[in-house]
Amino acid sequence: MPLTEKEMMLRDATRNIGEELLESIRDVKAGRFGAVHLVEVTEAAEARSRTGLSQIKFAELLGVSVRTLQEWEQGRRMPSGAARSLLHIAASRPDVFREVLQAR
């Protein structure tokens, strides 16, 4: 349950932020740190990354909206058909993808 404004003010009044930061640095140096979460990179994000293109340019070359590309990259939707094939080409041969699609 989130703290109320009054509870946050009371908590913050007794904090020593400098000491908390130093303690955090000591923890990291000692190898004590919080949980590490790995984020799975989608095929669309990997493909665009390999081409070095912006989302706008990559979406334009694929013939989809930037929003659709974002949905693919964030794993909320999956590309199908020709788009999936183009993404595979972009991931495996980004040079060919850029050369062929930018020339049109």
C-alpha atoms as a PDB file:
ATOM      1  CA  MET A   1       0.000   0.000   0.000  1.00  0.00           C
ATOM      2  CA  PRO A   2       1.485   3.391  -0.960  1.00  0.00           C
ATOM      3  CA  LEU A   3       2.420   5.886   1.706  1.00  0.00           C
ATOM      4  CA  THR A   4       0.302   8.949   2.285  1.00  0.00           C
ATOM      5  CA  GLU A   5       1.831  12.393   1.810  1.00  0.00           C
ATOM      6  CA  LYS A   6       2.091  12.808   5.588  1.00  0.00           C
ATOM      7  CA  GLU A   7       3.789   9.412   6.000  1.00  0.00           C
ATOM      8  CA  MET A   8       6.316  10.236   3.258  1.00  0.00           C
ATOM      9  CA  MET A   9       7.152  13.587   4.863  1.00  0.00           C
ATOM     10  CA  LEU A  10       7.676  11.923   8.244  1.00  0.00           C
ATOM     11  CA  ARG A  11       9.850   9.188   6.719  1.00  0.00           C
ATOM     12  CA  ASP A  12      11.939  11.637   4.681  1.00  0.00           C
ATOM     13  CA  ALA A  13      12.513  13.946   7.664  1.00  0.00           C
ATOM     14  CA  THR A  14      14.606  11.259   9.360  1.00  0.00           C
ATOM     15  CA  ARG A  15      16.559  10.059   6.314  1.00  0.00           C
ATOM     16  CA  ASN A  16      20.231  10.670   5.671  1.00  0.00           C
ATOM     17  CA  ILE A  17      20.338  10.444   1.876  1.00  0.00           C
ATOM     18  CA  GLY A  18      24.118  10.835   1.719  1.00  0.00           C
ATOM     19  CA  GLU A  19      24.659   7.890   4.064  1.00  0.00           C
ATOM     20  CA  GLU A  20      22.109   5.792   2.131  1.00  0.00           C
ATOM     21  CA  LEU A  21      23.979   6.471  -1.119  1.00  0.00           C
ATOM     22  CA  LEU A  22      27.340   5.585   0.397  1.00  0.00           C
ATOM     23  CA  GLU A  23      25.881   2.365   1.820  1.00  0.00           C
ATOM     24  CA  SER A  24      24.499   1.506  -1.629  1.00  0.00           C
ATOM     25  CA  ILE A  25      27.918   2.025  -3.199  1.00  0.00           C
ATOM     26  CA  ARG A  26      29.507  -0.193  -0.561  1.00  0.00           C
ATOM     27  CA  ASP A  27      26.895  -2.886  -1.257  1.00  0.00           C
ATOM     28  CA  VAL A  28      27.579  -2.824  -4.993  1.00  0.00           C
ATOM     29  CA  LYS A  29      31.337  -2.969  -4.473  1.00  0.00           C
ATOM     30  CA  ALA A  30      30.849  -5.939  -2.153  1.00  0.00           C
ATOM     31  CA  GLY A  31      28.740  -7.713  -4.750  1.00  0.00           C
ATOM     32  CA  ARG A  32      25.460  -7.214  -2.908  1.00  0.00           C
ATOM     33  CA  PHE A  33      22.805  -5.815  -5.163  1.00  0.00           C
ATOM     34  CA  GLY A  34      19.148  -6.301  -6.002  1.00  0.00           C
ATOM     35  CA  ALA A  35      17.586  -8.732  -8.382  1.00  0.00           C
ATOM     36  CA  VAL A  36      18.674  -8.662 -11.993  1.00  0.00           C
ATOM     37  CA  HIS A  37      15.888  -8.906 -14.514  1.00  0.00           C
ATOM     38  CA  LEU A  38      16.685 -10.004 -18.037  1.00  0.00           C
ATOM     39  CA  VAL A  39      14.498  -8.563 -20.745  1.00  0.00           C
ATOM     40  CA  GLU A  40      13.990 -10.769 -23.752  1.00  0.00           C
ATOM     41  CA  VAL A  41      14.724  -8.946 -26.992  1.00  0.00           C
ATOM     42  CA  THR A  42      12.096  -9.572 -29.650  1.00  0.00           C
ATOM     43  CA  GLU A  43      12.952 -10.492 -33.210  1.00  0.00           C
ATOM     44  CA  ALA A  44      11.655  -7.114 -34.392  1.00  0.00           C
ATOM     45  CA  ALA A  45      13.822  -5.177 -31.938  1.00  0.00           C
ATOM     46  CA  GLU A  46      16.861  -7.296 -32.782  1.00  0.00           C
ATOM     47  CA  ALA A  47      16.306  -6.846 -36.520  1.00  0.00           C
ATOM     48  CA  ARG A  48      15.964  -3.077 -36.270  1.00  0.00           C
ATOM     49  CA  SER A  49      18.988  -2.859 -33.990  1.00  0.00           C
ATOM     50  CA  ARG A  50      21.126  -4.734 -36.517  1.00  0.00           C
ATOM     51  CA  THR A  51      20.112  -2.379 -39.313  1.00  0.00           C
ATOM     52  CA  GLY A  52      20.969   0.699 -37.261  1.00  0.00           C
ATOM     53  CA  LEU A  53      17.780   2.415 -38.415  1.00  0.00           C
ATOM     54  CA  SER A  54      15.372   4.529 -36.394  1.00  0.00           C
ATOM     55  CA  GLN A  55      11.904   3.195 -35.653  1.00  0.00           C
ATOM     56  CA  ILE A  56      10.433   5.675 -38.120  1.00  0.00           C
ATOM     57  CA  LYS A  57      12.729   4.679 -40.998  1.00  0.00           C
ATOM     58  CA  PHE A  58      12.540   0.949 -40.244  1.00  0.00           C
ATOM     59  CA  ALA A  59       8.720   1.020 -40.098  1.00  0.00           C
ATOM     60  CA  GLU A  60       8.639   2.986 -43.351  1.00  0.00           C
ATOM     61  CA  LEU A  61      10.811   0.392 -45.104  1.00  0.00           C
ATOM     62  CA  LEU A  62       8.621  -2.439 -43.784  1.00  0.00           C
ATOM     63  CA  GLY A  63       5.475  -0.613 -44.870  1.00  0.00           C
ATOM     64  CA  VAL A  64       3.921  -0.566 -41.390  1.00  0.00           C
ATOM     65  CA  SER A  65       3.078   2.169 -38.922  1.00  0.00           C
ATOM     66  CA  VAL A  66       5.555   3.116 -36.216  1.00  0.00           C
ATOM     67  CA  ARG A  67       2.944   2.039 -33.653  1.00  0.00           C
ATOM     68  CA  THR A  68       2.756  -1.450 -35.202  1.00  0.00           C
ATOM     69  CA  LEU A  69       6.543  -1.737 -35.089  1.00  0.00           C
ATOM     70  CA  GLN A  70       6.525  -0.652 -31.438  1.00  0.00           C
ATOM     71  CA  GLU A  71       3.924  -3.316 -30.641  1.00  0.00           C
ATOM     72  CA  TRP A  72       6.167  -5.937 -32.267  1.00  0.00           C
ATOM     73  CA  GLU A  73       9.297  -4.689 -30.507  1.00  0.00           C
ATOM     74  CA  GLN A  74       7.580  -4.726 -27.121  1.00  0.00           C
ATOM     75  CA  GLY A  75       6.196  -8.219 -27.695  1.00  0.00           C
ATOM     76  CA  ARG A  76       2.541  -7.220 -27.444  1.00  0.00           C
ATOM     77  CA  ARG A  77       1.842  -8.305 -31.014  1.00  0.00           C
ATOM     78  CA  MET A  78       3.565 -10.668 -33.410  1.00  0.00           C
ATOM     79  CA  PRO A  79       4.273  -9.949 -37.073  1.00  0.00           C
ATOM     80  CA  SER A  80       2.972 -12.419 -39.606  1.00  0.00           C
ATOM     81  CA  GLY A  81       3.535 -13.363 -43.217  1.00  0.00           C
ATOM     82  CA  ALA A  82       5.739 -11.095 -45.285  1.00  0.00           C
ATOM     83  CA  ALA A  83       6.608  -8.851 -42.335  1.00  0.00           C
ATOM     84  CA  ARG A  84       8.069 -11.803 -40.441  1.00  0.00           C
ATOM     85  CA  SER A  85      10.138 -12.744 -43.509  1.00  0.00           C
ATOM     86  CA  LEU A  86      11.435  -9.184 -43.873  1.00  0.00           C
ATOM     87  CA  LEU A  87      12.354  -9.085 -40.189  1.00  0.00           C
ATOM     88  CA  HIS A  88      14.288 -12.330 -40.587  1.00  0.00           C
ATOM     89  CA  ILE A  89      16.198 -10.863 -43.548  1.00  0.00           C
ATOM     90  CA  ALA A  90      16.870  -7.644 -41.620  1.00  0.00           C
ATOM     91  CA  ALA A  91      18.231  -9.631 -38.667  1.00  0.00           C
ATOM     92  CA  SER A  92      20.410 -11.996 -40.681  1.00  0.00           C
ATOM     93  CA  ARG A  93      21.508  -9.659 -43.497  1.00  0.00           C
ATOM     94  CA  PRO A  94      20.985  -6.021 -42.454  1.00  0.00           C
ATOM     95  CA  ASP A  95      23.212  -4.840 -45.306  1.00  0.00           C
ATOM     96  CA  VAL A  96      20.989  -6.516 -47.910  1.00  0.00           C
ATOM     97  CA  PHE A  97      17.837  -5.266 -46.192  1.00  0.00           C
ATOM     98  CA  ARG A  98      19.014  -1.641 -46.264  1.00  0.00           C
ATOM     99  CA  GLU A  99      20.387  -1.880 -49.806  1.00  0.00           C
ATOM    100  CA  VAL A 100      17.280  -3.420 -51.356  1.00  0.00           C
ATOM    101  CA  LEU A 101      14.590  -1.502 -49.494  1.00  0.00           C
ATOM    102  CA  GLN A 102      16.229   1.923 -49.448  1.00  0.00           C
ATOM    103  CA  ALA A 103      16.757   1.770 -53.205  1.00  0.00           C
ATOM    104  CA  ARG A 104      13.040   1.715 -53.967  1.00  0.00           C
END
